[in-house]
Amino acid sequence: MGEKKKKNTTMAAVAYLIFFLPLLTDSKDDPFVKYHVKQGLLLFLVALVLSIFPFFSIIGAMINWLITVLIIVLVVMGIMNAVNGEEKPLPLIGQFAEKINL
């Protein structure tokens, strides 16, 4: 009888806070961890790109707080999915993260 492999939920959750850290460990070959690293990476990139909006206009500065809250909500959702052992795509960005090759 095959033994079910335990998911590395800790490294998957860390991927949302410091996306590259799991890639520096033995977890880099774990498909479950890679799934969450891809989402963490894309979330980081989206946050980075959106962080420049406040510099372009007053409207950008006004909605910056909304963007920040949205990013935090997506990070929390990602961490919760990872801790629960789920591979659920994050709203808005999850479908794009699956196309990243690591």
Protein backbone atom coordinates (compact mmCIF):
# COMPACT_ATOMS: atom_id res chain seq x y z
CA MET A 1 0.00 0.00 0.00
CA GLY A 2 1.29 3.42 -0.98
CA GLU A 3 1.93 5.92 1.75
CA LYS A 4 0.39 9.34 1.15
CA LYS A 5 3.05 12.05 1.18
CA LYS A 6 2.45 14.85 3.67
CA LYS A 7 2.18 18.31 2.09
CA ASN A 8 4.75 20.89 3.10
CA THR A 9 2.24 23.50 4.18
CA THR A 10 4.80 25.58 6.06
CA MET A 11 6.98 26.31 3.03
CA ALA A 12 3.88 26.83 0.88
CA ALA A 13 2.63 29.47 3.34
CA VAL A 14 6.06 31.13 3.51
CA ALA A 15 5.91 31.54 -0.28
CA TYR A 16 3.32 34.31 0.15
CA LEU A 17 5.57 36.30 2.46
CA ILE A 18 9.00 35.67 0.90
CA PHE A 19 8.27 33.92 -2.41
CA PHE A 20 11.86 32.89 -3.17
CA LEU A 21 12.70 31.33 0.21
CA PRO A 22 11.15 27.91 -0.54
CA LEU A 23 13.19 27.82 -3.76
CA LEU A 24 16.36 27.89 -1.65
CA THR A 25 15.39 24.73 0.25
CA ASP A 26 14.66 21.11 -0.58
CA SER A 27 11.02 22.15 -1.03
CA LYS A 28 11.83 23.55 -4.48
CA ASP A 29 10.98 20.19 -6.05
CA ASP A 30 7.63 19.81 -4.26
CA PRO A 31 4.77 20.49 -6.74
CA PHE A 32 2.50 21.71 -3.91
CA VAL A 33 5.08 24.25 -2.75
CA LYS A 34 5.84 25.30 -6.34
CA TYR A 35 2.15 26.01 -6.91
CA HIS A 36 2.11 28.44 -4.00
CA VAL A 37 5.51 29.93 -4.91
CA LYS A 38 4.13 30.81 -8.35
CA GLN A 39 1.13 32.56 -6.81
CA GLY A 40 3.34 34.33 -4.25
CA LEU A 41 5.70 35.49 -7.01
CA LEU A 42 2.88 36.85 -9.15
CA LEU A 43 1.28 38.55 -6.16
CA PHE A 44 4.62 40.21 -5.37
CA LEU A 45 5.01 41.39 -8.97
CA VAL A 46 1.46 42.76 -9.10
CA ALA A 47 1.99 44.61 -5.81
CA LEU A 48 5.27 46.02 -7.11
CA VAL A 49 3.72 47.27 -10.35
CA LEU A 50 0.66 48.71 -8.62
CA SER A 51 2.82 50.48 -6.05
CA ILE A 52 3.92 52.99 -8.70
CA PHE A 53 0.37 54.29 -9.31
CA PRO A 54 0.41 56.86 -6.50
CA PHE A 55 3.25 58.67 -8.25
CA PHE A 56 1.28 59.31 -11.44
CA SER A 57 -1.87 60.98 -10.25
CA ILE A 58 -3.97 62.07 -7.33
CA ILE A 59 -6.49 59.36 -8.20
CA GLY A 60 -3.70 56.80 -8.02
CA ALA A 61 -2.75 58.04 -4.59
CA MET A 62 -6.36 57.88 -3.45
CA ILE A 63 -6.86 54.27 -4.51
CA ASN A 64 -3.46 53.14 -3.22
CA TRP A 65 -4.99 52.17 0.12
CA LEU A 66 -7.58 50.04 -1.68
CA ILE A 67 -4.87 48.25 -3.65
CA THR A 68 -2.91 47.66 -0.43
CA VAL A 69 -5.93 46.14 1.29
CA LEU A 70 -6.62 43.93 -1.74
CA ILE A 71 -3.03 42.66 -1.78
CA ILE A 72 -3.16 41.90 1.96
CA VAL A 73 -6.45 40.02 1.52
CA LEU A 74 -4.97 37.94 -1.31
CA VAL A 75 -1.87 37.15 0.78
CA VAL A 76 -4.03 35.99 3.68
CA MET A 77 -6.19 33.89 1.34
CA GLY A 78 -3.07 32.30 -0.15
CA ILE A 79 -1.62 31.50 3.26
CA MET A 80 -4.92 29.99 4.40
CA ASN A 81 -5.09 27.82 1.28
CA ALA A 82 -1.51 26.67 1.80
CA VAL A 83 -1.99 25.87 5.49
CA ASN A 84 -5.15 23.90 4.66
CA GLY A 85 -3.29 21.89 2.01
CA GLU A 86 -5.37 23.29 -0.85
CA GLU A 87 -4.29 24.31 -4.33
CA LYS A 88 -6.93 26.94 -5.02
CA PRO A 89 -6.10 29.75 -7.41
CA LEU A 90 -6.28 33.21 -5.91
CA PRO A 91 -9.00 35.48 -7.29
CA LEU A 92 -7.89 37.81 -10.09
CA ILE A 93 -4.34 36.45 -10.43
CA GLY A 94 -4.43 32.69 -9.83
CA GLN A 95 -5.13 31.78 -13.44
CA PHE A 96 -2.03 33.65 -14.57
CA ALA A 97 0.23 32.17 -11.90
CA GLU A 98 -0.35 28.68 -13.28
CA LYS A 99 1.38 29.72 -16.51
CA ILE A 100 4.67 30.57 -14.77
CA ASN A 101 7.43 28.03 -15.32
CA LEU A 102 9.83 27.51 -12.42
